[in-house]
Amino acid sequence: MANTKSAEKRNRQAQKRRARNVAVRTTVKGALKKAREAITNKDAKTGDAVKEAVRTLGKAASKGVLHKRNVSRRISRMAKAAAKSAAK
């Protein structure tokens, strides 16, 4: 439990940040899931799903929720999987 005013403020700030980060991560997970499903099912909308996933990952990186290298790796792997499924 926070004992000082500054510690109480820090706790409030951390709670706000945590709520925002959880929301962004959840959005990213949903977009990635849709993209993965589109790739495995070879849907016509695979390109749109992958584009949306890349967009949400980029936003998460720019907000500092996910590390930029982590995002870059995820995008690279997804693009590679999409290209592989499109080639088949």
PDB file of N, CA and C in Angstrom:
ATOM      1  N   MET A   1       0.845  -1.186   0.000  1.00  0.00           N
ATOM      2  CA  MET A   1       0.000   0.000   0.000  1.00  0.00           C
ATOM      3  C   MET A   1       0.885   1.242   0.000  1.00  0.00           C
ATOM      4  N   ALA A   2       0.494   2.219  -0.776  1.00  0.00           N
ATOM      5  CA  ALA A   2       1.275   3.455  -0.880  1.00  0.00           C
ATOM      6  C   ALA A   2       1.118   4.289   0.382  1.00  0.00           C
ATOM      7  N   ASN A   3       2.244   4.811   0.866  1.00  0.00           N
ATOM      8  CA  ASN A   3       2.226   5.596   2.103  1.00  0.00           C
ATOM      9  C   ASN A   3       2.364   7.087   1.880  1.00  0.00           C
ATOM     10  N   THR A   4       2.910   7.481   0.752  1.00  0.00           N
ATOM     11  CA  THR A   4       3.113   8.904   0.494  1.00  0.00           C
ATOM     12  C   THR A   4       2.224   9.345  -0.671  1.00  0.00           C
ATOM     13  N   LYS A   5       2.082  10.673  -0.774  1.00  0.00           N
ATOM     14  CA  LYS A   5       1.260  11.212  -1.862  1.00  0.00           C
ATOM     15  C   LYS A   5       1.832  10.843  -3.225  1.00  0.00           C
ATOM     16  N   SER A   6       3.143  10.934  -3.330  1.00  0.00           N
ATOM     17  CA  SER A   6       3.780  10.635  -4.616  1.00  0.00           C
ATOM     18  C   SER A   6       3.613   9.161  -4.977  1.00  0.00           C
ATOM     19  N   ALA A   7       3.685   8.284  -3.977  1.00  0.00           N
ATOM     20  CA  ALA A   7       3.497   6.860  -4.234  1.00  0.00           C
ATOM     21  C   ALA A   7       2.059   6.557  -4.637  1.00  0.00           C
ATOM     22  N   GLU A   8       1.112   7.260  -4.032  1.00  0.00           N
ATOM     23  CA  GLU A   8      -0.298   7.083  -4.401  1.00  0.00           C
ATOM     24  C   GLU A   8      -0.530   7.517  -5.840  1.00  0.00           C
ATOM     25  N   LYS A   9       0.091   8.648  -6.222  1.00  0.00           N
ATOM     26  CA  LYS A   9      -0.049   9.138  -7.592  1.00  0.00           C
ATOM     27  C   LYS A   9       0.577   8.144  -8.578  1.00  0.00           C
ATOM     28  N   ARG A  10       1.761   7.653  -8.241  1.00  0.00           N
ATOM     29  CA  ARG A  10       2.423   6.669  -9.088  1.00  0.00           C
ATOM     30  C   ARG A  10       1.544   5.435  -9.283  1.00  0.00           C
ATOM     31  N   ASN A  11       0.884   5.015  -8.215  1.00  0.00           N
ATOM     32  CA  ASN A  11      -0.004   3.851  -8.278  1.00  0.00           C
ATOM     33  C   ASN A  11      -1.178   4.121  -9.214  1.00  0.00           C
ATOM     34  N   ARG A  12      -1.763   5.310  -9.123  1.00  0.00           N
ATOM     35  CA  ARG A  12      -2.870   5.669 -10.020  1.00  0.00           C
ATOM     36  C   ARG A  12      -2.400   5.678 -11.468  1.00  0.00           C
ATOM     37  N   GLN A  13      -1.219   6.245 -11.718  1.00  0.00           N
ATOM     38  CA  GLN A  13      -0.685   6.299 -13.072  1.00  0.00           C
ATOM     39  C   GLN A  13      -0.430   4.890 -13.621  1.00  0.00           C
ATOM     40  N   ALA A  14       0.104   4.034 -12.765  1.00  0.00           N
ATOM     41  CA  ALA A  14       0.401   2.657 -13.187  1.00  0.00           C
ATOM     42  C   ALA A  14      -0.891   1.924 -13.540  1.00  0.00           C
ATOM     43  N   GLN A  15      -1.940   2.150 -12.780  1.00  0.00           N
ATOM     44  CA  GLN A  15      -3.222   1.500 -13.068  1.00  0.00           C
ATOM     45  C   GLN A  15      -3.787   1.963 -14.403  1.00  0.00           C
ATOM     46  N   LYS A  16      -3.679   3.255 -14.692  1.00  0.00           N
ATOM     47  CA  LYS A  16      -4.156   3.785 -15.975  1.00  0.00           C
ATOM     48  C   LYS A  16      -3.362   3.181 -17.130  1.00  0.00           C
ATOM     49  N   ARG A  17      -2.034   3.168 -16.975  1.00  0.00           N
ATOM     50  CA  ARG A  17      -1.174   2.613 -18.026  1.00  0.00           C
ATOM     51  C   ARG A  17      -1.473   1.139 -18.255  1.00  0.00           C
ATOM     52  N   ARG A  18      -1.648   0.406 -17.161  1.00  0.00           N
ATOM     53  CA  ARG A  18      -1.920  -1.027 -17.265  1.00  0.00           C
ATOM     54  C   ARG A  18      -3.221  -1.278 -18.030  1.00  0.00           C
ATOM     55  N   ALA A  19      -4.263  -0.501 -17.713  1.00  0.00           N
ATOM     56  CA  ALA A  19      -5.550  -0.670 -18.395  1.00  0.00           C
ATOM     57  C   ALA A  19      -5.406  -0.393 -19.893  1.00  0.00           C
ATOM     58  N   ARG A  20      -4.659   0.646 -20.228  1.00  0.00           N
ATOM     59  CA  ARG A  20      -4.450   1.002 -21.630  1.00  0.00           C
ATOM     60  C   ARG A  20      -3.650  -0.090 -22.344  1.00  0.00           C
ATOM     61  N   ASN A  21      -2.594  -0.575 -21.694  1.00  0.00           N
ATOM     62  CA  ASN A  21      -1.753  -1.610 -22.293  1.00  0.00           C
ATOM     63  C   ASN A  21      -2.522  -2.905 -22.506  1.00  0.00           C
ATOM     64  N   VAL A  22      -3.360  -3.273 -21.539  1.00  0.00           N
ATOM     65  CA  VAL A  22      -4.158  -4.497 -21.665  1.00  0.00           C
ATOM     66  C   VAL A  22      -5.105  -4.376 -22.855  1.00  0.00           C
ATOM     67  N   ALA A  23      -5.720  -3.213 -23.003  1.00  0.00           N
ATOM     68  CA  ALA A  23      -6.651  -2.998 -24.116  1.00  0.00           C
ATOM     69  C   ALA A  23      -5.928  -3.117 -25.459  1.00  0.00           C
ATOM     70  N   VAL A  24      -4.747  -2.529 -25.560  1.00  0.00           N
ATOM     71  CA  VAL A  24      -3.993  -2.573 -26.814  1.00  0.00           C
ATOM     72  C   VAL A  24      -3.555  -4.003 -27.115  1.00  0.00           C
ATOM     73  N   ARG A  25      -3.055  -4.713 -26.091  1.00  0.00           N
ATOM     74  CA  ARG A  25      -2.611  -6.095 -26.294  1.00  0.00           C
ATOM     75  C   ARG A  25      -3.769  -6.987 -26.742  1.00  0.00           C
ATOM     76  N   THR A  26      -4.947  -6.771 -26.167  1.00  0.00           N
ATOM     77  CA  THR A  26      -6.115  -7.554 -26.536  1.00  0.00           C
ATOM     78  C   THR A  26      -6.474  -7.318 -28.005  1.00  0.00           C
ATOM     79  N   THR A  27      -6.428  -6.066 -28.434  1.00  0.00           N
ATOM     80  CA  THR A  27      -6.710  -5.725 -29.826  1.00  0.00           C
ATOM     81  C   THR A  27      -5.698  -6.403 -30.759  1.00  0.00           C
ATOM     82  N   VAL A  28      -4.440  -6.385 -30.357  1.00  0.00           N
ATOM     83  CA  VAL A  28      -3.390  -7.014 -31.159  1.00  0.00           C
ATOM     84  C   VAL A  28      -3.638  -8.518 -31.275  1.00  0.00           C
ATOM     85  N   LYS A  29      -3.960  -9.145 -30.163  1.00  0.00           N
ATOM     86  CA  LYS A  29      -4.214 -10.589 -30.173  1.00  0.00           C
ATOM     87  C   LYS A  29      -5.365 -10.944 -31.108  1.00  0.00           C
ATOM     88  N   GLY A  30      -6.434 -10.160 -31.078  1.00  0.00           N
ATOM     89  CA  GLY A  30      -7.580 -10.412 -31.943  1.00  0.00           C
ATOM     90  C   GLY A  30      -7.227 -10.272 -33.408  1.00  0.00           C
ATOM     91  N   ALA A  31      -6.461  -9.225 -33.731  1.00  0.00           N
ATOM     92  CA  ALA A  31      -6.061  -9.007 -35.129  1.00  0.00           C
ATOM     93  C   ALA A  31      -5.148 -10.126 -35.614  1.00  0.00           C
ATOM     94  N   LEU A  32      -4.230 -10.565 -34.757  1.00  0.00           N
ATOM     95  CA  LEU A  32      -3.327 -11.653 -35.132  1.00  0.00           C
ATOM     96  C   LEU A  32      -4.093 -12.958 -35.333  1.00  0.00           C
ATOM     97  N   LYS A  33      -5.066 -13.195 -34.482  1.00  0.00           N
ATOM     98  CA  LYS A  33      -5.869 -14.414 -34.592  1.00  0.00           C
ATOM     99  C   LYS A  33      -6.636 -14.433 -35.915  1.00  0.00           C
ATOM    100  N   LYS A  34      -7.253 -13.293 -36.274  1.00  0.00           N
ATOM    101  CA  LYS A  34      -7.986 -13.199 -37.536  1.00  0.00           C
ATOM    102  C   LYS A  34      -7.052 -13.424 -38.723  1.00  0.00           C
ATOM    103  N   ALA A  35      -5.865 -12.841 -38.651  1.00  0.00           N
ATOM    104  CA  ALA A  35      -4.908 -12.983 -39.748  1.00  0.00           C
ATOM    105  C   ALA A  35      -4.453 -14.434 -39.875  1.00  0.00           C
ATOM    106  N   ARG A  36      -4.146 -15.077 -38.743  1.00  0.00           N
ATOM    107  CA  ARG A  36      -3.716 -16.476 -38.769  1.00  0.00           C
ATOM    108  C   ARG A  36      -4.796 -17.383 -39.339  1.00  0.00           C
ATOM    109  N   GLU A  37      -6.041 -17.139 -38.930  1.00  0.00           N
ATOM    110  CA  GLU A  37      -7.156 -17.946 -39.447  1.00  0.00           C
ATOM    111  C   GLU A  37      -7.323 -17.743 -40.952  1.00  0.00           C
ATOM    112  N   ALA A  38      -7.203 -16.499 -41.396  1.00  0.00           N
ATOM    113  CA  ALA A  38      -7.333 -16.203 -42.829  1.00  0.00           C
ATOM    114  C   ALA A  38      -6.219 -16.884 -43.613  1.00  0.00           C
ATOM    115  N   ILE A  39      -5.005 -16.905 -43.049  1.00  0.00           N
ATOM    116  CA  ILE A  39      -3.879 -17.541 -43.736  1.00  0.00           C
ATOM    117  C   ILE A  39      -4.088 -19.052 -43.824  1.00  0.00           C
ATOM    118  N   THR A  40      -4.519 -19.666 -42.722  1.00  0.00           N
ATOM    119  CA  THR A  40      -4.680 -21.125 -42.726  1.00  0.00           C
ATOM    120  C   THR A  40      -5.861 -21.561 -43.587  1.00  0.00           C
ATOM    121  N   ASN A  41      -6.934 -20.744 -43.626  1.00  0.00           N
ATOM    122  CA  ASN A  41      -8.111 -21.093 -44.433  1.00  0.00           C
ATOM    123  C   ASN A  41      -7.993 -20.629 -45.879  1.00  0.00           C
ATOM    124  N   LYS A  42      -6.941 -19.880 -46.173  1.00  0.00           N
ATOM    125  CA  LYS A  42      -6.713 -19.324 -47.513  1.00  0.00           C
ATOM    126  C   LYS A  42      -7.925 -18.540 -48.009  1.00  0.00           C
ATOM    127  N   ASP A  43      -8.431 -17.650 -47.141  1.00  0.00           N
ATOM    128  CA  ASP A  43      -9.573 -16.804 -47.496  1.00  0.00           C
ATOM    129  C   ASP A  43      -9.179 -15.788 -48.560  1.00  0.00           C
ATOM    130  N   ALA A  44     -10.210 -15.213 -49.165  1.00  0.00           N
ATOM    131  CA  ALA A  44      -9.977 -14.154 -50.150  1.00  0.00           C
ATOM    132  C   ALA A  44      -9.520 -12.873 -49.454  1.00  0.00           C
ATOM    133  N   LYS A  45      -9.875 -12.738 -48.190  1.00  0.00           N
ATOM    134  CA  LYS A  45      -9.549 -11.511 -47.446  1.00  0.00           C
ATOM    135  C   LYS A  45      -8.277 -11.657 -46.608  1.00  0.00           C
ATOM    136  N   THR A  46      -7.395 -12.553 -47.002  1.00  0.00           N
ATOM    137  CA  THR A  46      -6.150 -12.753 -46.258  1.00  0.00           C
ATOM    138  C   THR A  46      -5.319 -11.473 -46.238  1.00  0.00           C
ATOM    139  N   GLY A  47      -5.221 -10.818 -47.380  1.00  0.00           N
ATOM    140  CA  GLY A  47      -4.431  -9.590 -47.473  1.00  0.00           C
ATOM    141  C   GLY A  47      -4.943  -8.510 -46.545  1.00  0.00           C
ATOM    142  N   ASP A  48      -6.263  -8.361 -46.480  1.00  0.00           N
ATOM    143  CA  ASP A  48      -6.850  -7.348 -45.602  1.00  0.00           C
ATOM    144  C   ASP A  48      -6.597  -7.673 -44.134  1.00  0.00           C
ATOM    145  N   ALA A  49      -6.731  -8.958 -43.781  1.00  0.00           N
ATOM    146  CA  ALA A  49      -6.522  -9.365 -42.391  1.00  0.00           C
ATOM    147  C   ALA A  49      -5.073  -9.150 -41.972  1.00  0.00           C
ATOM    148  N   VAL A  50      -4.153  -9.488 -42.864  1.00  0.00           N
ATOM    149  CA  VAL A  50      -2.728  -9.308 -42.563  1.00  0.00           C
ATOM    150  C   VAL A  50      -2.406  -7.827 -42.462  1.00  0.00           C
ATOM    151  N   LYS A  51      -2.966  -7.030 -43.369  1.00  0.00           N
ATOM    152  CA  LYS A  51      -2.725  -5.588 -43.341  1.00  0.00           C
ATOM    153  C   LYS A  51      -3.231  -4.971 -42.029  1.00  0.00           C
ATOM    154  N   GLU A  52      -4.400  -5.401 -41.587  1.00  0.00           N
ATOM    155  CA  GLU A  52      -4.971  -4.900 -40.330  1.00  0.00           C
ATOM    156  C   GLU A  52      -4.108  -5.318 -39.137  1.00  0.00           C
ATOM    157  N   ALA A  53      -3.608  -6.554 -39.165  1.00  0.00           N
ATOM    158  CA  ALA A  53      -2.749  -7.033 -38.076  1.00  0.00           C
ATOM    159  C   ALA A  53      -1.447  -6.231 -38.029  1.00  0.00           C
ATOM    160  N   VAL A  54      -0.873  -5.957 -39.187  1.00  0.00           N
ATOM    161  CA  VAL A  54       0.360  -5.166 -39.248  1.00  0.00           C
ATOM    162  C   VAL A  54       0.106  -3.766 -38.705  1.00  0.00           C
ATOM    163  N   ARG A  55      -1.043  -3.220 -39.047  1.00  0.00           N
ATOM    164  CA  ARG A  55      -1.407  -1.878 -38.590  1.00  0.00           C
ATOM    165  C   ARG A  55      -1.537  -1.827 -37.061  1.00  0.00           C
ATOM    166  N   THR A  56      -2.227  -2.810 -36.489  1.00  0.00           N
ATOM    167  CA  THR A  56      -2.407  -2.814 -35.028  1.00  0.00           C
ATOM    168  C   THR A  56      -1.085  -3.070 -34.317  1.00  0.00           C
ATOM    169  N   LEU A  57      -0.244  -3.927 -34.894  1.00  0.00           N
ATOM    170  CA  LEU A  57       1.077  -4.160 -34.299  1.00  0.00           C
ATOM    171  C   LEU A  57       1.912  -2.875 -34.326  1.00  0.00           C
ATOM    172  N   GLY A  58       1.859  -2.164 -35.434  1.00  0.00           N
ATOM    173  CA  GLY A  58       2.599  -0.904 -35.543  1.00  0.00           C
ATOM    174  C   GLY A  58       2.153   0.119 -34.526  1.00  0.00           C
ATOM    175  N   LYS A  59       0.843   0.182 -34.312  1.00  0.00           N
ATOM    176  CA  LYS A  59       0.314   1.114 -33.315  1.00  0.00           C
ATOM    177  C   LYS A  59       0.795   0.738 -31.912  1.00  0.00           C
ATOM    178  N   ALA A  60       0.792  -0.558 -31.622  1.00  0.00           N
ATOM    179  CA  ALA A  60       1.243  -1.015 -30.308  1.00  0.00           C
ATOM    180  C   ALA A  60       2.712  -0.668 -30.088  1.00  0.00           C
ATOM    181  N   ALA A  61       3.512  -0.785 -31.144  1.00  0.00           N
ATOM    182  CA  ALA A  61       4.933  -0.457 -31.036  1.00  0.00           C
ATOM    183  C   ALA A  61       5.120   1.041 -30.843  1.00  0.00           C
ATOM    184  N   SER A  62       4.350   1.844 -31.566  1.00  0.00           N
ATOM    185  CA  SER A  62       4.505   3.293 -31.459  1.00  0.00           C
ATOM    186  C   SER A  62       4.066   3.817 -30.094  1.00  0.00           C
ATOM    187  N   LYS A  63       3.129   3.118 -29.458  1.00  0.00           N
ATOM    188  CA  LYS A  63       2.673   3.519 -28.121  1.00  0.00           C
ATOM    189  C   LYS A  63       3.576   2.980 -27.024  1.00  0.00           C
ATOM    190  N   GLY A  64       4.491   2.088 -27.388  1.00  0.00           N
ATOM    191  CA  GLY A  64       5.407   1.542 -26.397  1.00  0.00           C
ATOM    192  C   GLY A  64       4.846   0.351 -25.637  1.00  0.00           C
ATOM    193  N   VAL A  65       3.727  -0.188 -26.100  1.00  0.00           N
ATOM    194  CA  VAL A  65       3.124  -1.340 -25.426  1.00  0.00           C
ATOM    195  C   VAL A  65       3.941  -2.588 -25.734  1.00  0.00           C
ATOM    196  N   LEU A  66       4.349  -2.731 -26.995  1.00  0.00           N
ATOM    197  CA  LEU A  66       5.203  -3.836 -27.417  1.00  0.00           C
ATOM    198  C   LEU A  66       6.513  -3.252 -27.945  1.00  0.00           C
ATOM    199  N   HIS A  67       7.584  -4.006 -27.802  1.00  0.00           N
ATOM    200  CA  HIS A  67       8.886  -3.538 -28.276  1.00  0.00           C
ATOM    201  C   HIS A  67       8.923  -3.574 -29.800  1.00  0.00           C
ATOM    202  N   LYS A  68       9.621  -2.609 -30.384  1.00  0.00           N
ATOM    203  CA  LYS A  68       9.620  -2.487 -31.847  1.00  0.00           C
ATOM    204  C   LYS A  68      10.241  -3.700 -32.527  1.00  0.00           C
ATOM    205  N   ARG A  69      11.242  -4.321 -31.915  1.00  0.00           N
ATOM    206  CA  ARG A  69      11.848  -5.507 -32.530  1.00  0.00           C
ATOM    207  C   ARG A  69      10.907  -6.704 -32.442  1.00  0.00           C
ATOM    208  N   ASN A  70      10.185  -6.791 -31.338  1.00  0.00           N
ATOM    209  CA  ASN A  70       9.194  -7.857 -31.174  1.00  0.00           C
ATOM    210  C   ASN A  70       8.135  -7.726 -32.266  1.00  0.00           C
ATOM    211  N   VAL A  71       7.673  -6.520 -32.485  1.00  0.00           N
ATOM    212  CA  VAL A  71       6.656  -6.252 -33.507  1.00  0.00           C
ATOM    213  C   VAL A  71       7.206  -6.564 -34.891  1.00  0.00           C
ATOM    214  N   SER A  72       8.421  -6.148 -35.150  1.00  0.00           N
ATOM    215  CA  SER A  72       9.049  -6.391 -36.441  1.00  0.00           C
ATOM    216  C   SER A  72       9.150  -7.889 -36.720  1.00  0.00           C
ATOM    217  N   ARG A  73       9.529  -8.661 -35.706  1.00  0.00           N
ATOM    218  CA  ARG A  73       9.645 -10.113 -35.856  1.00  0.00           C
ATOM    219  C   ARG A  73       8.286 -10.734 -36.151  1.00  0.00           C
ATOM    220  N   ARG A  74       7.257 -10.296 -35.432  1.00  0.00           N
ATOM    221  CA  ARG A  74       5.914 -10.839 -35.645  1.00  0.00           C
ATOM    222  C   ARG A  74       5.403 -10.532 -37.045  1.00  0.00           C
ATOM    223  N   ILE A  75       5.623  -9.298 -37.493  1.00  0.00           N
ATOM    224  CA  ILE A  75       5.179  -8.897 -38.829  1.00  0.00           C
ATOM    225  C   ILE A  75       5.896  -9.735 -39.894  1.00  0.00           C
ATOM    226  N   SER A  76       7.200  -9.913 -39.714  1.00  0.00           N
ATOM    227  CA  SER A  76       7.990 -10.676 -40.665  1.00  0.00           C
ATOM    228  C   SER A  76       7.494 -12.112 -40.770  1.00  0.00           C
ATOM    229  N   ARG A  77       7.247 -12.741 -39.646  1.00  0.00           N
ATOM    230  CA  ARG A  77       6.784 -14.130 -39.646  1.00  0.00           C
ATOM    231  C   ARG A  77       5.401 -14.260 -40.273  1.00  0.00           C
ATOM    232  N   MET A  78       4.533 -13.282 -39.989  1.00  0.00           N
ATOM    233  CA  MET A  78       3.185 -13.329 -40.550  1.00  0.00           C
ATOM    234  C   MET A  78       3.225 -13.134 -42.065  1.00  0.00           C
ATOM    235  N   ALA A  79       4.047 -12.194 -42.526  1.00  0.00           N
ATOM    236  CA  ALA A  79       4.167 -11.952 -43.963  1.00  0.00           C
ATOM    237  C   ALA A  79       4.730 -13.183 -44.669  1.00  0.00           C
ATOM    238  N   LYS A  80       5.697 -13.822 -44.031  1.00  0.00           N
ATOM    239  CA  LYS A  80       6.283 -15.031 -44.602  1.00  0.00           C
ATOM    240  C   LYS A  80       5.249 -16.142 -44.715  1.00  0.00           C
ATOM    241  N   ALA A  81       4.434 -16.306 -43.670  1.00  0.00           N
ATOM    242  CA  ALA A  81       3.379 -17.339 -43.679  1.00  0.00           C
ATOM    243  C   ALA A  81       2.332 -17.026 -44.736  1.00  0.00           C
ATOM    244  N   ALA A  82       1.980 -15.745 -44.883  1.00  0.00           N
ATOM    245  CA  ALA A  82       0.977 -15.343 -45.862  1.00  0.00           C
ATOM    246  C   ALA A  82       1.487 -15.612 -47.282  1.00  0.00           C
ATOM    247  N   ALA A  83       2.752 -15.297 -47.513  1.00  0.00           N
ATOM    248  CA  ALA A  83       3.333 -15.531 -48.833  1.00  0.00           C
ATOM    249  C   ALA A  83       3.410 -17.014 -49.139  1.00  0.00           C
ATOM    250  N   LYS A  84       3.749 -17.797 -48.119  1.00  0.00           N
ATOM    251  CA  LYS A  84       3.840 -19.240 -48.313  1.00  0.00           C
ATOM    252  C   LYS A  84       2.478 -19.850 -48.641  1.00  0.00           C
ATOM    253  N   SER A  85       1.434 -19.377 -47.947  1.00  0.00           N
ATOM    254  CA  SER A  85       0.094 -19.917 -48.203  1.00  0.00           C
ATOM    255  C   SER A  85      -0.437 -19.449 -49.559  1.00  0.00           C
ATOM    256  N   ALA A  86      -0.074 -18.250 -49.973  1.00  0.00           N
ATOM    257  CA  ALA A  86      -0.514 -17.729 -51.267  1.00  0.00           C
ATOM    258  C   ALA A  86       0.168 -18.467 -52.416  1.00  0.00           C
ATOM    259  N   ALA A  87       1.383 -18.941 -52.178  1.00  0.00           N
ATOM    260  CA  ALA A  87       2.140 -19.630 -53.229  1.00  0.00           C
ATOM    261  C   ALA A  87       1.583 -21.029 -53.492  1.00  0.00           C
ATOM    262  N   LYS A  88       0.946 -21.612 -52.489  1.00  0.00           N
ATOM    263  CA  LYS A  88       0.439 -22.980 -52.644  1.00  0.00           C
ATOM    264  C   LYS A  88      -0.805 -23.047 -53.474  1.00  0.00           C
TER     265      LYS A  88
END
